[in-house]
Amino acid sequence: MKKSVAVILTRAPYGRIHLSEGLRAAGGIAAGFDHHDVTVIFAEDAVYAAREDVDREALNMPAQITDLKANDGTMLVDRSAMEVRNIDSQEIMDDTVIVSASEVTESIQDAEEVLTF
């Protein structure tokens, strides 16, 4: 049975595997037997991974993002987390959508399952 799933990324992109593993899980969930509706949320320090100048290859992100996008997954970036870290919206990759804290909350509340990395 198809479900809506929110995958919340909270960790900084370098020095840990949480971000890469979260994206891998999101892609797998989206591509699985039921093709769940997956929304990845870049929150807290994970917003650094949504920046244009991040080395996505080094973080094993391209294949995972391709899998997610091929299965209609979406990627959101928490604007309030960006503001706290002085990240400008022009620094963010085009394949993500910047949303307000209330929209992040709404996405999480609307999800039937929530995973945090």
PDB file of N, CA and C in Angstrom:
ATOM      1  N   MET A   1       0.830  -1.176   0.000  1.00  0.00           N
ATOM      2  CA  MET A   1       0.000   0.000   0.000  1.00  0.00           C
ATOM      3  C   MET A   1       0.883   1.251   0.000  1.00  0.00           C
ATOM      4  N   LYS A   2       0.636   2.136  -0.913  1.00  0.00           N
ATOM      5  CA  LYS A   2       1.428   3.354  -1.064  1.00  0.00           C
ATOM      6  C   LYS A   2       1.229   4.283   0.131  1.00  0.00           C
ATOM      7  N   LYS A   3       2.352   4.832   0.641  1.00  0.00           N
ATOM      8  CA  LYS A   3       2.314   5.762   1.770  1.00  0.00           C
ATOM      9  C   LYS A   3       3.096   7.023   1.429  1.00  0.00           C
ATOM     10  N   SER A   4       2.850   8.060   2.211  1.00  0.00           N
ATOM     11  CA  SER A   4       3.673   9.267   2.103  1.00  0.00           C
ATOM     12  C   SER A   4       4.740   9.184   3.188  1.00  0.00           C
ATOM     13  N   VAL A   5       5.963   9.448   2.796  1.00  0.00           N
ATOM     14  CA  VAL A   5       7.104   9.314   3.697  1.00  0.00           C
ATOM     15  C   VAL A   5       7.924  10.599   3.669  1.00  0.00           C
ATOM     16  N   ALA A   6       8.250  11.104   4.847  1.00  0.00           N
ATOM     17  CA  ALA A   6       9.159  12.249   4.967  1.00  0.00           C
ATOM     18  C   ALA A   6      10.492  11.738   5.496  1.00  0.00           C
ATOM     19  N   VAL A   7      11.555  12.089   4.811  1.00  0.00           N
ATOM     20  CA  VAL A   7      12.906  11.752   5.257  1.00  0.00           C
ATOM     21  C   VAL A   7      13.568  13.068   5.630  1.00  0.00           C
ATOM     22  N   ILE A   8      13.845  13.230   6.912  1.00  0.00           N
ATOM     23  CA  ILE A   8      14.407  14.484   7.410  1.00  0.00           C
ATOM     24  C   ILE A   8      15.911  14.314   7.588  1.00  0.00           C
ATOM     25  N   LEU A   9      16.667  15.128   6.880  1.00  0.00           N
ATOM     26  CA  LEU A   9      18.123  15.132   7.000  1.00  0.00           C
ATOM     27  C   LEU A   9      18.501  16.286   7.919  1.00  0.00           C
ATOM     28  N   THR A  10      19.263  15.994   8.969  1.00  0.00           N
ATOM     29  CA  THR A  10      19.595  17.028   9.951  1.00  0.00           C
ATOM     30  C   THR A  10      21.092  17.214  10.156  1.00  0.00           C
ATOM     31  N   ARG A  11      21.901  16.311   9.663  1.00  0.00           N
ATOM     32  CA  ARG A  11      23.336  16.339   9.950  1.00  0.00           C
ATOM     33  C   ARG A  11      24.120  17.059   8.860  1.00  0.00           C
ATOM     34  N   ALA A  12      25.255  17.604   9.250  1.00  0.00           N
ATOM     35  CA  ALA A  12      26.156  18.266   8.297  1.00  0.00           C
ATOM     36  C   ALA A  12      26.603  17.249   7.244  1.00  0.00           C
ATOM     37  N   PRO A  13      26.877  17.702   6.030  1.00  0.00           N
ATOM     38  CA  PRO A  13      27.173  16.769   4.943  1.00  0.00           C
ATOM     39  C   PRO A  13      28.522  16.060   5.027  1.00  0.00           C
ATOM     40  N   TYR A  14      29.510  16.655   5.647  1.00  0.00           N
ATOM     41  CA  TYR A  14      30.838  16.051   5.642  1.00  0.00           C
ATOM     42  C   TYR A  14      31.185  15.440   6.989  1.00  0.00           C
ATOM     43  N   GLY A  15      31.954  14.347   6.952  1.00  0.00           N
ATOM     44  CA  GLY A  15      32.449  13.723   8.163  1.00  0.00           C
ATOM     45  C   GLY A  15      31.532  12.664   8.752  1.00  0.00           C
ATOM     46  N   ARG A  16      30.365  12.486   8.171  1.00  0.00           N
ATOM     47  CA  ARG A  16      29.408  11.488   8.652  1.00  0.00           C
ATOM     48  C   ARG A  16      28.690  10.897   7.446  1.00  0.00           C
ATOM     49  N   ILE A  17      28.061   9.749   7.665  1.00  0.00           N
ATOM     50  CA  ILE A  17      27.349   9.107   6.562  1.00  0.00           C
ATOM     51  C   ILE A  17      25.840   9.335   6.619  1.00  0.00           C
ATOM     52  N   HIS A  18      25.370  10.048   7.615  1.00  0.00           N
ATOM     53  CA  HIS A  18      23.925  10.211   7.802  1.00  0.00           C
ATOM     54  C   HIS A  18      23.230  10.794   6.571  1.00  0.00           C
ATOM     55  N   LEU A  19      23.804  11.815   5.981  1.00  0.00           N
ATOM     56  CA  LEU A  19      23.182  12.466   4.829  1.00  0.00           C
ATOM     57  C   LEU A  19      23.094  11.504   3.648  1.00  0.00           C
ATOM     58  N   SER A  20      24.199  10.875   3.330  1.00  0.00           N
ATOM     59  CA  SER A  20      24.230   9.940   2.209  1.00  0.00           C
ATOM     60  C   SER A  20      23.278   8.771   2.443  1.00  0.00           C
ATOM     61  N   GLU A  21      23.279   8.239   3.655  1.00  0.00           N
ATOM     62  CA  GLU A  21      22.401   7.111   3.972  1.00  0.00           C
ATOM     63  C   GLU A  21      20.934   7.524   3.966  1.00  0.00           C
ATOM     64  N   GLY A  22      20.648   8.734   4.405  1.00  0.00           N
ATOM     65  CA  GLY A  22      19.275   9.230   4.364  1.00  0.00           C
ATOM     66  C   GLY A  22      18.768   9.355   2.941  1.00  0.00           C
ATOM     67  N   LEU A  23      19.613   9.880   2.062  1.00  0.00           N
ATOM     68  CA  LEU A  23      19.235   9.993   0.648  1.00  0.00           C
ATOM     69  C   LEU A  23      19.103   8.620  -0.003  1.00  0.00           C
ATOM     70  N   ARG A  24      19.993   7.701   0.375  1.00  0.00           N
ATOM     71  CA  ARG A  24      19.908   6.335  -0.164  1.00  0.00           C
ATOM     72  C   ARG A  24      18.595   5.681   0.263  1.00  0.00           C
ATOM     73  N   ALA A  25      18.247   5.861   1.529  1.00  0.00           N
ATOM     74  CA  ALA A  25      16.983   5.307   2.028  1.00  0.00           C
ATOM     75  C   ALA A  25      15.796   5.929   1.298  1.00  0.00           C
ATOM     76  N   ALA A  26      15.835   7.236   1.101  1.00  0.00           N
ATOM     77  CA  ALA A  26      14.737   7.931   0.413  1.00  0.00           C
ATOM     78  C   ALA A  26      14.567   7.404  -1.007  1.00  0.00           C
ATOM     79  N   GLY A  27      15.673   7.249  -1.718  1.00  0.00           N
ATOM     80  CA  GLY A  27      15.605   6.723  -3.080  1.00  0.00           C
ATOM     81  C   GLY A  27      15.066   5.307  -3.123  1.00  0.00           C
ATOM     82  N   GLY A  28      15.493   4.488  -2.171  1.00  0.00           N
ATOM     83  CA  GLY A  28      15.014   3.110  -2.102  1.00  0.00           C
ATOM     84  C   GLY A  28      13.537   3.022  -1.775  1.00  0.00           C
ATOM     85  N   ILE A  29      13.098   3.862  -0.862  1.00  0.00           N
ATOM     86  CA  ILE A  29      11.680   3.879  -0.482  1.00  0.00           C
ATOM     87  C   ILE A  29      10.826   4.325  -1.669  1.00  0.00           C
ATOM     88  N   ALA A  30      11.295   5.330  -2.379  1.00  0.00           N
ATOM     89  CA  ALA A  30      10.546   5.840  -3.535  1.00  0.00           C
ATOM     90  C   ALA A  30      10.493   4.814  -4.665  1.00  0.00           C
ATOM     91  N   ALA A  31      11.566   4.049  -4.833  1.00  0.00           N
ATOM     92  CA  ALA A  31      11.650   3.094  -5.942  1.00  0.00           C
ATOM     93  C   ALA A  31      11.132   1.710  -5.573  1.00  0.00           C
ATOM     94  N   GLY A  32      10.805   1.503  -4.321  1.00  0.00           N
ATOM     95  CA  GLY A  32      10.369   0.187  -3.854  1.00  0.00           C
ATOM     96  C   GLY A  32       9.082  -0.288  -4.501  1.00  0.00           C
ATOM     97  N   PHE A  33       8.657  -1.458  -4.094  1.00  0.00           N
ATOM     98  CA  PHE A  33       7.490  -2.127  -4.670  1.00  0.00           C
ATOM     99  C   PHE A  33       6.259  -1.226  -4.724  1.00  0.00           C
ATOM    100  N   ASP A  34       6.000  -0.476  -3.666  1.00  0.00           N
ATOM    101  CA  ASP A  34       4.799   0.358  -3.604  1.00  0.00           C
ATOM    102  C   ASP A  34       5.000   1.775  -4.142  1.00  0.00           C
ATOM    103  N   HIS A  35       6.230   2.123  -4.493  1.00  0.00           N
ATOM    104  CA  HIS A  35       6.535   3.468  -4.996  1.00  0.00           C
ATOM    105  C   HIS A  35       5.927   4.550  -4.105  1.00  0.00           C
ATOM    106  N   HIS A  36       6.373   4.561  -2.860  1.00  0.00           N
ATOM    107  CA  HIS A  36       5.865   5.531  -1.891  1.00  0.00           C
ATOM    108  C   HIS A  36       6.168   6.961  -2.333  1.00  0.00           C
ATOM    109  N   ASP A  37       5.345   7.898  -1.880  1.00  0.00           N
ATOM    110  CA  ASP A  37       5.577   9.321  -2.127  1.00  0.00           C
ATOM    111  C   ASP A  37       6.583   9.813  -1.097  1.00  0.00           C
ATOM    112  N   VAL A  38       7.765  10.207  -1.543  1.00  0.00           N
ATOM    113  CA  VAL A  38       8.845  10.571  -0.627  1.00  0.00           C
ATOM    114  C   VAL A  38       9.186  12.052  -0.750  1.00  0.00           C
ATOM    115  N   THR A  39       9.286  12.691   0.409  1.00  0.00           N
ATOM    116  CA  THR A  39       9.747  14.071   0.499  1.00  0.00           C
ATOM    117  C   THR A  39      10.983  14.086   1.381  1.00  0.00           C
ATOM    118  N   VAL A  40      12.084  14.569   0.843  1.00  0.00           N
ATOM    119  CA  VAL A  40      13.317  14.735   1.618  1.00  0.00           C
ATOM    120  C   VAL A  40      13.360  16.176   2.097  1.00  0.00           C
ATOM    121  N   ILE A  41      13.634  16.343   3.383  1.00  0.00           N
ATOM    122  CA  ILE A  41      13.693  17.682   3.968  1.00  0.00           C
ATOM    123  C   ILE A  41      15.106  17.937   4.478  1.00  0.00           C
ATOM    124  N   PHE A  42      15.776  18.933   3.908  1.00  0.00           N
ATOM    125  CA  PHE A  42      17.088  19.358   4.386  1.00  0.00           C
ATOM    126  C   PHE A  42      16.843  20.350   5.519  1.00  0.00           C
ATOM    127  N   ALA A  43      17.145  19.951   6.740  1.00  0.00           N
ATOM    128  CA  ALA A  43      16.908  20.782   7.918  1.00  0.00           C
ATOM    129  C   ALA A  43      18.197  20.886   8.730  1.00  0.00           C
ATOM    130  N   GLU A  44      18.185  21.769   9.698  1.00  0.00           N
ATOM    131  CA  GLU A  44      19.335  21.979  10.584  1.00  0.00           C
ATOM    132  C   GLU A  44      20.622  22.072   9.755  1.00  0.00           C
ATOM    133  N   ASP A  45      21.688  21.349  10.139  1.00  0.00           N
ATOM    134  CA  ASP A  45      22.963  21.451   9.420  1.00  0.00           C
ATOM    135  C   ASP A  45      22.954  20.793   8.037  1.00  0.00           C
ATOM    136  N   ALA A  46      21.950  20.003   7.743  1.00  0.00           N
ATOM    137  CA  ALA A  46      21.867  19.376   6.416  1.00  0.00           C
ATOM    138  C   ALA A  46      21.611  20.397   5.314  1.00  0.00           C
ATOM    139  N   VAL A  47      21.172  21.603   5.671  1.00  0.00           N
ATOM    140  CA  VAL A  47      20.958  22.623   4.630  1.00  0.00           C
ATOM    141  C   VAL A  47      22.260  22.940   3.895  1.00  0.00           C
ATOM    142  N   TYR A  48      23.397  22.700   4.541  1.00  0.00           N
ATOM    143  CA  TYR A  48      24.675  22.915   3.854  1.00  0.00           C
ATOM    144  C   TYR A  48      24.793  22.003   2.624  1.00  0.00           C
ATOM    145  N   ALA A  49      24.190  20.826   2.674  1.00  0.00           N
ATOM    146  CA  ALA A  49      24.264  19.871   1.561  1.00  0.00           C
ATOM    147  C   ALA A  49      23.415  20.296   0.375  1.00  0.00           C
ATOM    148  N   ALA A  50      22.512  21.228   0.575  1.00  0.00           N
ATOM    149  CA  ALA A  50      21.658  21.708  -0.515  1.00  0.00           C
ATOM    150  C   ALA A  50      22.299  22.873  -1.268  1.00  0.00           C
ATOM    151  N   ARG A  51      23.485  23.297  -0.842  1.00  0.00           N
ATOM    152  CA  ARG A  51      24.159  24.422  -1.489  1.00  0.00           C
ATOM    153  C   ARG A  51      24.790  23.995  -2.809  1.00  0.00           C
ATOM    154  N   GLU A  52      24.846  24.932  -3.744  1.00  0.00           N
ATOM    155  CA  GLU A  52      25.428  24.670  -5.064  1.00  0.00           C
ATOM    156  C   GLU A  52      26.896  24.277  -4.996  1.00  0.00           C
ATOM    157  N   ASP A  53      27.633  24.839  -4.054  1.00  0.00           N
ATOM    158  CA  ASP A  53      29.070  24.582  -4.027  1.00  0.00           C
ATOM    159  C   ASP A  53      29.462  23.327  -3.249  1.00  0.00           C
ATOM    160  N   VAL A  54      28.496  22.536  -2.808  1.00  0.00           N
ATOM    161  CA  VAL A  54      28.828  21.292  -2.126  1.00  0.00           C
ATOM    162  C   VAL A  54      29.252  20.259  -3.182  1.00  0.00           C
ATOM    163  N   ASP A  55      30.206  19.422  -2.832  1.00  0.00           N
ATOM    164  CA  ASP A  55      30.694  18.393  -3.753  1.00  0.00           C
ATOM    165  C   ASP A  55      29.785  17.168  -3.643  1.00  0.00           C
ATOM    166  N   ARG A  56      28.758  17.132  -4.456  1.00  0.00           N
ATOM    167  CA  ARG A  56      27.784  16.036  -4.396  1.00  0.00           C
ATOM    168  C   ARG A  56      28.415  14.690  -4.737  1.00  0.00           C
ATOM    169  N   GLU A  57      29.387  14.692  -5.618  1.00  0.00           N
ATOM    170  CA  GLU A  57      30.075  13.438  -5.964  1.00  0.00           C
ATOM    171  C   GLU A  57      30.752  12.846  -4.734  1.00  0.00           C
ATOM    172  N   ALA A  58      31.439  13.677  -3.970  1.00  0.00           N
ATOM    173  CA  ALA A  58      32.140  13.202  -2.777  1.00  0.00           C
ATOM    174  C   ALA A  58      31.177  12.647  -1.733  1.00  0.00           C
ATOM    175  N   LEU A  59      29.950  13.118  -1.770  1.00  0.00           N
ATOM    176  CA  LEU A  59      28.944  12.678  -0.802  1.00  0.00           C
ATOM    177  C   LEU A  59      28.045  11.569  -1.352  1.00  0.00           C
ATOM    178  N   ASN A  60      28.372  11.047  -2.535  1.00  0.00           N
ATOM    179  CA  ASN A  60      27.571  10.001  -3.183  1.00  0.00           C
ATOM    180  C   ASN A  60      26.123  10.420  -3.391  1.00  0.00           C
ATOM    181  N   MET A  61      25.897  11.680  -3.669  1.00  0.00           N
ATOM    182  CA  MET A  61      24.537  12.190  -3.804  1.00  0.00           C
ATOM    183  C   MET A  61      23.923  12.050  -5.200  1.00  0.00           C
ATOM    184  N   PRO A  62      24.685  12.162  -6.297  1.00  0.00           N
ATOM    185  CA  PRO A  62      24.040  12.192  -7.616  1.00  0.00           C
ATOM    186  C   PRO A  62      23.137  10.992  -7.914  1.00  0.00           C
ATOM    187  N   ALA A  63      23.622   9.787  -7.700  1.00  0.00           N
ATOM    188  CA  ALA A  63      22.819   8.599  -8.007  1.00  0.00           C
ATOM    189  C   ALA A  63      21.584   8.531  -7.117  1.00  0.00           C
ATOM    190  N   GLN A  64      21.754   8.908  -5.867  1.00  0.00           N
ATOM    191  CA  GLN A  64      20.629   8.854  -4.928  1.00  0.00           C
ATOM    192  C   GLN A  64      19.561   9.877  -5.295  1.00  0.00           C
ATOM    193  N   ILE A  65      19.987  11.057  -5.682  1.00  0.00           N
ATOM    194  CA  ILE A  65      19.040  12.099  -6.087  1.00  0.00           C
ATOM    195  C   ILE A  65      18.364  11.712  -7.397  1.00  0.00           C
ATOM    196  N   THR A  66      19.118  11.112  -8.315  1.00  0.00           N
ATOM    197  CA  THR A  66      18.543  10.643  -9.575  1.00  0.00           C
ATOM    198  C   THR A  66      17.452   9.610  -9.313  1.00  0.00           C
ATOM    199  N   ASP A  67      17.733   8.659  -8.412  1.00  0.00           N
ATOM    200  CA  ASP A  67      16.729   7.643  -8.064  1.00  0.00           C
ATOM    201  C   ASP A  67      15.487   8.284  -7.468  1.00  0.00           C
ATOM    202  N   LEU A  68      15.696   9.228  -6.577  1.00  0.00           N
ATOM    203  CA  LEU A  68      14.572   9.901  -5.925  1.00  0.00           C
ATOM    204  C   LEU A  68      13.726  10.656  -6.949  1.00  0.00           C
ATOM    205  N   LYS A  69      14.385  11.440  -7.791  1.00  0.00           N
ATOM    206  CA  LYS A  69      13.677  12.242  -8.790  1.00  0.00           C
ATOM    207  C   LYS A  69      12.978  11.365  -9.838  1.00  0.00           C
ATOM    208  N   ALA A  70      13.599  10.239 -10.199  1.00  0.00           N
ATOM    209  CA  ALA A  70      12.996   9.333 -11.179  1.00  0.00           C
ATOM    210  C   ALA A  70      11.679   8.750 -10.673  1.00  0.00           C
ATOM    211  N   ASN A  71      11.505   8.762  -9.364  1.00  0.00           N
ATOM    212  CA  ASN A  71      10.285   8.232  -8.754  1.00  0.00           C
ATOM    213  C   ASN A  71       9.436   9.336  -8.138  1.00  0.00           C
ATOM    214  N   ASP A  72       9.564  10.538  -8.707  1.00  0.00           N
ATOM    215  CA  ASP A  72       8.745  11.697  -8.321  1.00  0.00           C
ATOM    216  C   ASP A  72       8.939  12.160  -6.882  1.00  0.00           C
ATOM    217  N   GLY A  73      10.105  11.902  -6.318  1.00  0.00           N
ATOM    218  CA  GLY A  73      10.406  12.412  -4.979  1.00  0.00           C
ATOM    219  C   GLY A  73      10.681  13.904  -5.023  1.00  0.00           C
ATOM    220  N   THR A  74      10.481  14.559  -3.909  1.00  0.00           N
ATOM    221  CA  THR A  74      10.751  15.995  -3.826  1.00  0.00           C
ATOM    222  C   THR A  74      11.776  16.269  -2.734  1.00  0.00           C
ATOM    223  N   MET A  75      12.491  17.374  -2.896  1.00  0.00           N
ATOM    224  CA  MET A  75      13.485  17.779  -1.906  1.00  0.00           C
ATOM    225  C   MET A  75      13.189  19.205  -1.467  1.00  0.00           C
ATOM    226  N   LEU A  76      12.997  19.373  -0.166  1.00  0.00           N
ATOM    227  CA  LEU A  76      12.691  20.677   0.415  1.00  0.00           C
ATOM    228  C   LEU A  76      13.850  21.144   1.279  1.00  0.00           C
ATOM    229  N   VAL A  77      14.049  22.448   1.335  1.00  0.00           N
ATOM    230  CA  VAL A  77      15.086  23.038   2.183  1.00  0.00           C
ATOM    231  C   VAL A  77      14.405  24.001   3.150  1.00  0.00           C
ATOM    232  N   ASP A  78      14.709  23.843   4.421  1.00  0.00           N
ATOM    233  CA  ASP A  78      14.117  24.665   5.482  1.00  0.00           C
ATOM    234  C   ASP A  78      14.734  26.066   5.475  1.00  0.00           C
ATOM    235  N   ARG A  79      13.927  27.053   5.088  1.00  0.00           N
ATOM    236  CA  ARG A  79      14.405  28.436   5.005  1.00  0.00           C
ATOM    237  C   ARG A  79      14.915  28.946   6.364  1.00  0.00           C
ATOM    238  N   SER A  80      14.247  28.597   7.447  1.00  0.00           N
ATOM    239  CA  SER A  80      14.676  29.092   8.760  1.00  0.00           C
ATOM    240  C   SER A  80      16.049  28.533   9.132  1.00  0.00           C
ATOM    241  N   ALA A  81      16.331  27.286   8.761  1.00  0.00           N
ATOM    242  CA  ALA A  81      17.654  26.713   9.012  1.00  0.00           C
ATOM    243  C   ALA A  81      18.705  27.422   8.168  1.00  0.00           C
ATOM    244  N   MET A  82      18.331  27.806   6.947  1.00  0.00           N
ATOM    245  CA  MET A  82      19.243  28.566   6.087  1.00  0.00           C
ATOM    246  C   MET A  82      19.569  29.913   6.714  1.00  0.00           C
ATOM    247  N   GLU A  83      18.548  30.588   7.204  1.00  0.00           N
ATOM    248  CA  GLU A  83      18.734  31.921   7.781  1.00  0.00           C
ATOM    249  C   GLU A  83      19.641  31.882   9.002  1.00  0.00           C
ATOM    250  N   VAL A  84      19.459  30.884   9.857  1.00  0.00           N
ATOM    251  CA  VAL A  84      20.301  30.746  11.053  1.00  0.00           C
ATOM    252  C   VAL A  84      21.765  30.565  10.656  1.00  0.00           C
ATOM    253  N   ARG A  85      21.998  29.919   9.514  1.00  0.00           N
ATOM    254  CA  ARG A  85      23.355  29.624   9.054  1.00  0.00           C
ATOM    255  C   ARG A  85      23.849  30.611   8.000  1.00  0.00           C
ATOM    256  N   ASN A  86      23.122  31.706   7.820  1.00  0.00           N
ATOM    257  CA  ASN A  86      23.487  32.747   6.851  1.00  0.00           C
ATOM    258  C   ASN A  86      23.685  32.210   5.434  1.00  0.00           C
ATOM    259  N   ILE A  87      22.815  31.309   5.031  1.00  0.00           N
ATOM    260  CA  ILE A  87      22.851  30.774   3.676  1.00  0.00           C
ATOM    261  C   ILE A  87      21.794  31.499   2.860  1.00  0.00           C
ATOM    262  N   ASP A  88      22.220  32.099   1.767  1.00  0.00           N
ATOM    263  CA  ASP A  88      21.315  32.839   0.890  1.00  0.00           C
ATOM    264  C   ASP A  88      20.585  31.875  -0.045  1.00  0.00           C
ATOM    265  N   SER A  89      19.385  32.216  -0.429  1.00  0.00           N
ATOM    266  CA  SER A  89      18.592  31.346  -1.308  1.00  0.00           C
ATOM    267  C   SER A  89      19.259  31.137  -2.667  1.00  0.00           C
ATOM    268  N   GLN A  90      20.084  32.078  -3.101  1.00  0.00           N
ATOM    269  CA  GLN A  90      20.774  31.934  -4.382  1.00  0.00           C
ATOM    270  C   GLN A  90      21.887  30.896  -4.327  1.00  0.00           C
ATOM    271  N   GLU A  91      22.265  30.469  -3.119  1.00  0.00           N
ATOM    272  CA  GLU A  91      23.297  29.445  -2.953  1.00  0.00           C
ATOM    273  C   GLU A  91      22.738  28.029  -3.066  1.00  0.00           C
ATOM    274  N   ILE A  92      21.431  27.895  -3.089  1.00  0.00           N
ATOM    275  CA  ILE A  92      20.784  26.587  -3.027  1.00  0.00           C
ATOM    276  C   ILE A  92      20.602  25.998  -4.427  1.00  0.00           C
ATOM    277  N   MET A  93      20.797  24.689  -4.540  1.00  0.00           N
ATOM    278  CA  MET A  93      20.651  23.973  -5.810  1.00  0.00           C
ATOM    279  C   MET A  93      19.251  24.143  -6.385  1.00  0.00           C
ATOM    280  N   ASP A  94      19.172  24.127  -7.701  1.00  0.00           N
ATOM    281  CA  ASP A  94      17.895  24.296  -8.400  1.00  0.00           C
ATOM    282  C   ASP A  94      16.956  23.094  -8.271  1.00  0.00           C
ATOM    283  N   ASP A  95      17.485  21.934  -7.893  1.00  0.00           N
ATOM    284  CA  ASP A  95      16.626  20.748  -7.808  1.00  0.00           C
ATOM    285  C   ASP A  95      15.928  20.607  -6.454  1.00  0.00           C
ATOM    286  N   THR A  96      16.033  21.649  -5.638  1.00  0.00           N
ATOM    287  CA  THR A  96      15.351  21.670  -4.345  1.00  0.00           C
ATOM    288  C   THR A  96      14.368  22.838  -4.308  1.00  0.00           C
ATOM    289  N   VAL A  97      13.471  22.799  -3.325  1.00  0.00           N
ATOM    290  CA  VAL A  97      12.499  23.874  -3.138  1.00  0.00           C
ATOM    291  C   VAL A  97      12.676  24.421  -1.726  1.00  0.00           C
ATOM    292  N   ILE A  98      12.875  25.716  -1.615  1.00  0.00           N
ATOM    293  CA  ILE A  98      13.017  26.357  -0.307  1.00  0.00           C
ATOM    294  C   ILE A  98      11.621  26.621   0.244  1.00  0.00           C
ATOM    295  N   VAL A  99      11.403  26.179   1.488  1.00  0.00           N
ATOM    296  CA  VAL A  99      10.084  26.336   2.109  1.00  0.00           C
ATOM    297  C   VAL A  99      10.220  26.911   3.517  1.00  0.00           C
ATOM    298  N   SER A 100       9.129  27.461   4.009  1.00  0.00           N
ATOM    299  CA  SER A 100       9.098  28.037   5.358  1.00  0.00           C
ATOM    300  C   SER A 100       9.056  26.926   6.409  1.00  0.00           C
ATOM    301  N   ALA A 101       9.314  27.310   7.648  1.00  0.00           N
ATOM    302  CA  ALA A 101       9.257  26.355   8.756  1.00  0.00           C
ATOM    303  C   ALA A 101       7.863  25.747   8.877  1.00  0.00           C
ATOM    304  N   SER A 102       6.847  26.550   8.640  1.00  0.00           N
ATOM    305  CA  SER A 102       5.481  26.020   8.737  1.00  0.00           C
ATOM    306  C   SER A 102       5.204  24.993   7.632  1.00  0.00           C
ATOM    307  N   GLU A 103       5.790  25.199   6.453  1.00  0.00           N
ATOM    308  CA  GLU A 103       5.633  24.219   5.374  1.00  0.00           C
ATOM    309  C   GLU A 103       6.393  22.930   5.682  1.00  0.00           C
ATOM    310  N   VAL A 104       7.543  23.057   6.346  1.00  0.00           N
ATOM    311  CA  VAL A 104       8.279  21.870   6.790  1.00  0.00           C
ATOM    312  C   VAL A 104       7.418  21.097   7.782  1.00  0.00           C
ATOM    313  N   THR A 105       6.874  21.813   8.755  1.00  0.00           N
ATOM    314  CA  THR A 105       6.015  21.188   9.763  1.00  0.00           C
ATOM    315  C   THR A 105       4.825  20.497   9.111  1.00  0.00           C
ATOM    316  N   GLU A 106       4.211  21.163   8.164  1.00  0.00           N
ATOM    317  CA  GLU A 106       3.056  20.594   7.466  1.00  0.00           C
ATOM    318  C   GLU A 106       3.433  19.320   6.710  1.00  0.00           C
ATOM    319  N   SER A 107       4.583  19.328   6.054  1.00  0.00           N
ATOM    320  CA  SER A 107       5.044  18.143   5.318  1.00  0.00           C
ATOM    321  C   SER A 107       5.264  16.964   6.258  1.00  0.00           C
ATOM    322  N   ILE A 108       5.821  17.250   7.422  1.00  0.00           N
ATOM    323  CA  ILE A 108       6.065  16.191   8.402  1.00  0.00           C
ATOM    324  C   ILE A 108       4.744  15.670   8.962  1.00  0.00           C
ATOM    325  N   GLN A 109       3.852  16.577   9.301  1.00  0.00           N
ATOM    326  CA  GLN A 109       2.559  16.167   9.853  1.00  0.00           C
ATOM    327  C   GLN A 109       1.725  15.388   8.841  1.00  0.00           C
ATOM    328  N   ASP A 110       1.832  15.726   7.575  1.00  0.00           N
ATOM    329  CA  ASP A 110       1.060  15.048   6.530  1.00  0.00           C
ATOM    330  C   ASP A 110       1.612  13.666   6.180  1.00  0.00           C
ATOM    331  N   ALA A 111       2.870  13.420   6.520  1.00  0.00           N
ATOM    332  CA  ALA A 111       3.498  12.141   6.182  1.00  0.00           C
ATOM    333  C   ALA A 111       2.964  11.020   7.078  1.00  0.00           C
ATOM    334  N   GLU A 112       2.783   9.865   6.467  1.00  0.00           N
ATOM    335  CA  GLU A 112       2.353   8.695   7.238  1.00  0.00           C
ATOM    336  C   GLU A 112       3.528   8.061   7.976  1.00  0.00           C
ATOM    337  N   GLU A 113       4.711   8.215   7.432  1.00  0.00           N
ATOM    338  CA  GLU A 113       5.937   7.697   8.051  1.00  0.00           C
ATOM    339  C   GLU A 113       6.994   8.793   8.001  1.00  0.00           C
ATOM    340  N   VAL A 114       7.811   8.874   9.059  1.00  0.00           N
ATOM    341  CA  VAL A 114       8.873   9.881   9.131  1.00  0.00           C
ATOM    342  C   VAL A 114      10.167   9.193   9.550  1.00  0.00           C
ATOM    343  N   LEU A 115      11.218   9.424   8.784  1.00  0.00           N
ATOM    344  CA  LEU A 115      12.550   8.918   9.109  1.00  0.00           C
ATOM    345  C   LEU A 115      13.471  10.111   9.295  1.00  0.00           C
ATOM    346  N   THR A 116      14.323  10.048  10.302  1.00  0.00           N
ATOM    347  CA  THR A 116      15.258  11.142  10.560  1.00  0.00           C
ATOM    348  C   THR A 116      16.687  10.625  10.496  1.00  0.00           C
ATOM    349  N   PHE A 117      17.523  11.341   9.758  1.00  0.00           N
ATOM    350  CA  PHE A 117      18.944  10.997   9.647  1.00  0.00           C
ATOM    351  C   PHE A 117      19.776  12.192  10.052  1.00  0.00           C
TER     352      PHE A 117
END
